[in-house]
Protein backbone atom coordinates (compact mmCIF):
# COMPACT_ATOMS: atom_id res chain seq x y z
CA MET A 1 -11.47 42.51 97.36
CA LYS A 2 -8.07 44.13 97.61
CA LYS A 3 -5.69 43.56 94.72
CA MET A 4 -2.70 41.32 95.47
CA LYS A 5 0.76 42.92 95.33
CA SER A 6 3.38 41.06 93.32
CA LYS A 7 6.88 40.78 94.72
CA THR A 8 8.32 40.75 91.19
CA VAL A 9 6.50 43.92 90.13
CA ALA A 10 7.54 45.69 93.35
CA ALA A 11 11.20 44.71 92.86
CA TRP A 12 11.27 45.98 89.27
CA LEU A 13 9.41 49.18 90.18
CA SER A 14 11.90 49.80 92.97
CA PHE A 15 14.85 49.24 90.64
CA LEU A 16 13.54 51.16 87.63
CA GLY A 17 11.23 53.77 89.15
CA GLY A 18 12.30 53.87 92.77
CA PRO A 19 13.79 57.37 92.67
CA LEU A 20 10.31 58.58 91.67
CA GLY A 21 8.62 56.58 94.45
CA LEU A 22 6.80 54.20 92.10
CA HIS A 23 7.36 51.11 94.27
CA ARG A 24 6.03 52.94 97.32
CA PHE A 25 2.89 54.00 95.48
CA TYR A 26 2.39 50.46 94.16
CA LEU A 27 2.70 48.90 97.61
CA ARG A 28 1.20 51.56 99.86
CA GLY A 29 -0.97 53.74 97.62
CA MET A 30 -0.80 57.34 96.53
CA GLY A 31 -1.00 58.59 100.12
CA ASP A 32 2.46 57.31 101.02
CA TRP A 33 4.47 60.34 102.16
CA LEU A 34 7.88 58.74 101.55
CA GLY A 35 6.83 58.00 97.98
CA TRP A 36 6.20 61.71 97.52
CA LEU A 37 9.53 62.66 99.17
CA LEU A 38 11.72 60.36 97.05
CA PRO A 39 11.63 62.61 93.94
CA ILE A 40 13.15 65.51 95.90
CA PRO A 41 16.73 64.15 96.22
CA THR A 42 16.36 62.76 92.70
CA ALA A 43 15.51 66.20 91.32
CA LEU A 44 18.28 67.85 93.36
CA GLY A 45 20.81 65.35 92.00
CA ILE A 46 19.67 66.00 88.43
CA TYR A 47 19.94 69.73 89.11
CA GLY A 48 23.50 69.09 90.36
CA ILE A 49 24.35 67.36 87.08
CA GLU A 50 22.96 70.32 85.14
CA ARG A 51 24.99 72.75 87.29
CA LEU A 52 28.09 70.66 86.58
CA ARG A 53 27.43 71.01 82.86
CA MET A 54 26.87 74.77 83.18
CA TYR A 55 29.60 75.75 85.65
CA GLY A 56 32.18 72.99 85.38
CA VAL A 57 33.73 70.61 87.88
CA ASP A 58 34.76 73.35 90.31
CA ASP A 59 31.16 74.13 91.25
CA GLY A 60 30.83 73.20 94.92
CA VAL A 61 27.05 73.08 94.83
CA SER A 62 27.04 70.48 92.07
CA TRP A 63 29.43 68.15 93.86
CA ALA A 64 27.21 68.40 96.93
CA LEU A 65 24.00 67.67 95.00
CA ILE A 66 25.02 64.95 92.54
CA PRO A 67 25.57 62.26 95.22
CA LEU A 68 21.96 62.72 96.34
CA LEU A 69 20.87 61.18 93.06
CA GLY A 70 23.36 58.33 93.38
CA PHE A 71 22.44 57.53 96.97
CA THR A 72 18.72 57.61 96.12
CA ILE A 73 19.20 55.22 93.20
CA ALA A 74 21.37 52.93 95.35
CA GLY A 75 18.82 52.97 98.18
CA CYS A 76 16.02 52.04 95.81
CA ALA A 77 18.15 49.26 94.34
CA LEU A 78 18.67 47.99 97.88
CA MET A 79 14.90 47.97 98.40
CA ALA A 80 14.51 45.97 95.19
CA ILE A 81 16.98 43.42 96.57
CA ILE A 82 15.12 43.27 99.89
CA TYR A 83 11.79 42.80 98.15
CA GLY A 84 13.16 40.17 95.81
CA LEU A 85 14.77 38.12 98.58
CA MET A 86 11.82 38.33 100.98
CA THR A 87 10.25 34.95 101.67
CA PRO A 88 6.78 34.38 100.19
CA GLU A 89 5.32 34.00 103.68
CA LYS A 90 6.72 37.31 104.87
CA TRP A 91 5.78 39.08 101.60
CA ASN A 92 2.19 37.90 101.68
CA ALA A 93 1.83 38.64 105.40
CA ARG A 94 3.08 42.20 104.89
CA PHE A 95 1.58 43.20 101.52
CA ASN A 96 -1.20 40.67 100.86
CA ALA A 97 -3.00 40.41 104.19
CA GLY A 98 -5.48 37.58 104.23
CA ALA A 99 -3.80 35.67 101.41
CA ALA A 100 -2.34 32.22 101.87
CA PRO A 101 1.29 32.34 103.03
CA ASP A 102 2.41 30.66 99.81
CA ALA A 103 0.16 32.69 97.46
CA ALA A 104 1.54 33.28 93.96
CA PRO A 105 2.19 37.06 94.25
CA GLY A 106 4.82 36.41 96.93
CA GLN A 107 6.62 33.70 95.01
CA THR A 108 10.11 34.20 93.61
CA ASN A 109 10.62 33.52 89.91
CA TRP A 110 13.28 34.23 87.30
CA LEU A 111 12.00 37.76 86.72
CA THR A 112 12.33 38.43 90.45
CA ILE A 113 15.88 37.11 90.40
CA GLY A 114 16.59 39.32 87.36
CA ALA A 115 15.50 42.38 89.33
CA VAL A 116 17.72 41.36 92.24
CA VAL A 117 20.77 40.78 90.03
CA ALA A 118 20.28 44.04 88.08
CA SER A 119 19.75 45.96 91.32
CA LEU A 120 22.83 44.44 92.90
CA PHE A 121 25.02 45.25 89.91
CA PHE A 122 23.80 48.75 89.10
CA GLY A 123 23.00 49.77 92.67
CA SER A 124 26.45 48.88 93.99
CA SER A 125 28.14 50.50 90.99
CA ILE A 126 26.21 53.73 91.41
CA LEU A 127 26.78 53.73 95.17
CA MET A 128 30.54 53.32 94.76
CA ALA A 129 30.67 55.98 92.03
CA SER A 130 28.74 58.40 94.27
CA ILE A 131 31.07 57.81 97.21
CA VAL A 132 34.17 58.21 95.05
CA TYR A 133 32.79 61.37 93.44
CA SER A 134 31.97 62.90 96.83
CA PHE A 135 35.28 62.10 98.47
CA GLN A 136 37.35 63.13 95.45
CA HIS A 137 35.74 66.55 95.27
CA TYR A 138 35.84 67.00 99.03
CA PHE A 139 39.56 66.28 99.23
CA GLU A 140 40.35 68.37 96.15
CA HIS A 141 38.49 71.23 97.82
CA GLN A 142 40.49 70.73 101.03
CA ILE A 143 43.78 70.78 99.12
CA GLU A 144 42.74 73.95 97.28
CA GLU A 145 41.80 75.63 100.57
CA GLY A 146 45.16 74.61 102.05
CA ARG A 147 46.96 76.22 99.10
CA LYS A 148 45.02 79.45 99.57
CA ILE A 149 45.88 79.60 103.26
CA SER A 150 49.60 78.93 102.70
CA GLN A 151 49.92 81.71 100.10
């Protein structure tokens, strides 16, 4: 018999380990190709942070890479919200085929709500910080290029 997939576990795995693909592996198994691809933008973003530390804030590569980490974290937080808010019937139909529509693994409880709230708070904060970081460095770069041209 196939093991039932818990909506609460999937939501927390998406929030806490999503950038490593843990929620994908939990729900779809180790053969899930997207689960294996998720660590790539995560690693590139971490490399961007390390470049920022080594070369400073003027490093163009770092300001291009760092948002990858932020957008990956925000996307995984969004998935945690989607999982957490999915109805038990839809959850069990999708991830627990053959189970009763109201089976316990698809039920929402306080831990599920905790994952949704944490994902909403941290995911939106990280998303906004990533957007601000990207646009700030892009416009600073444009201003600097304009100064070079006018000299």
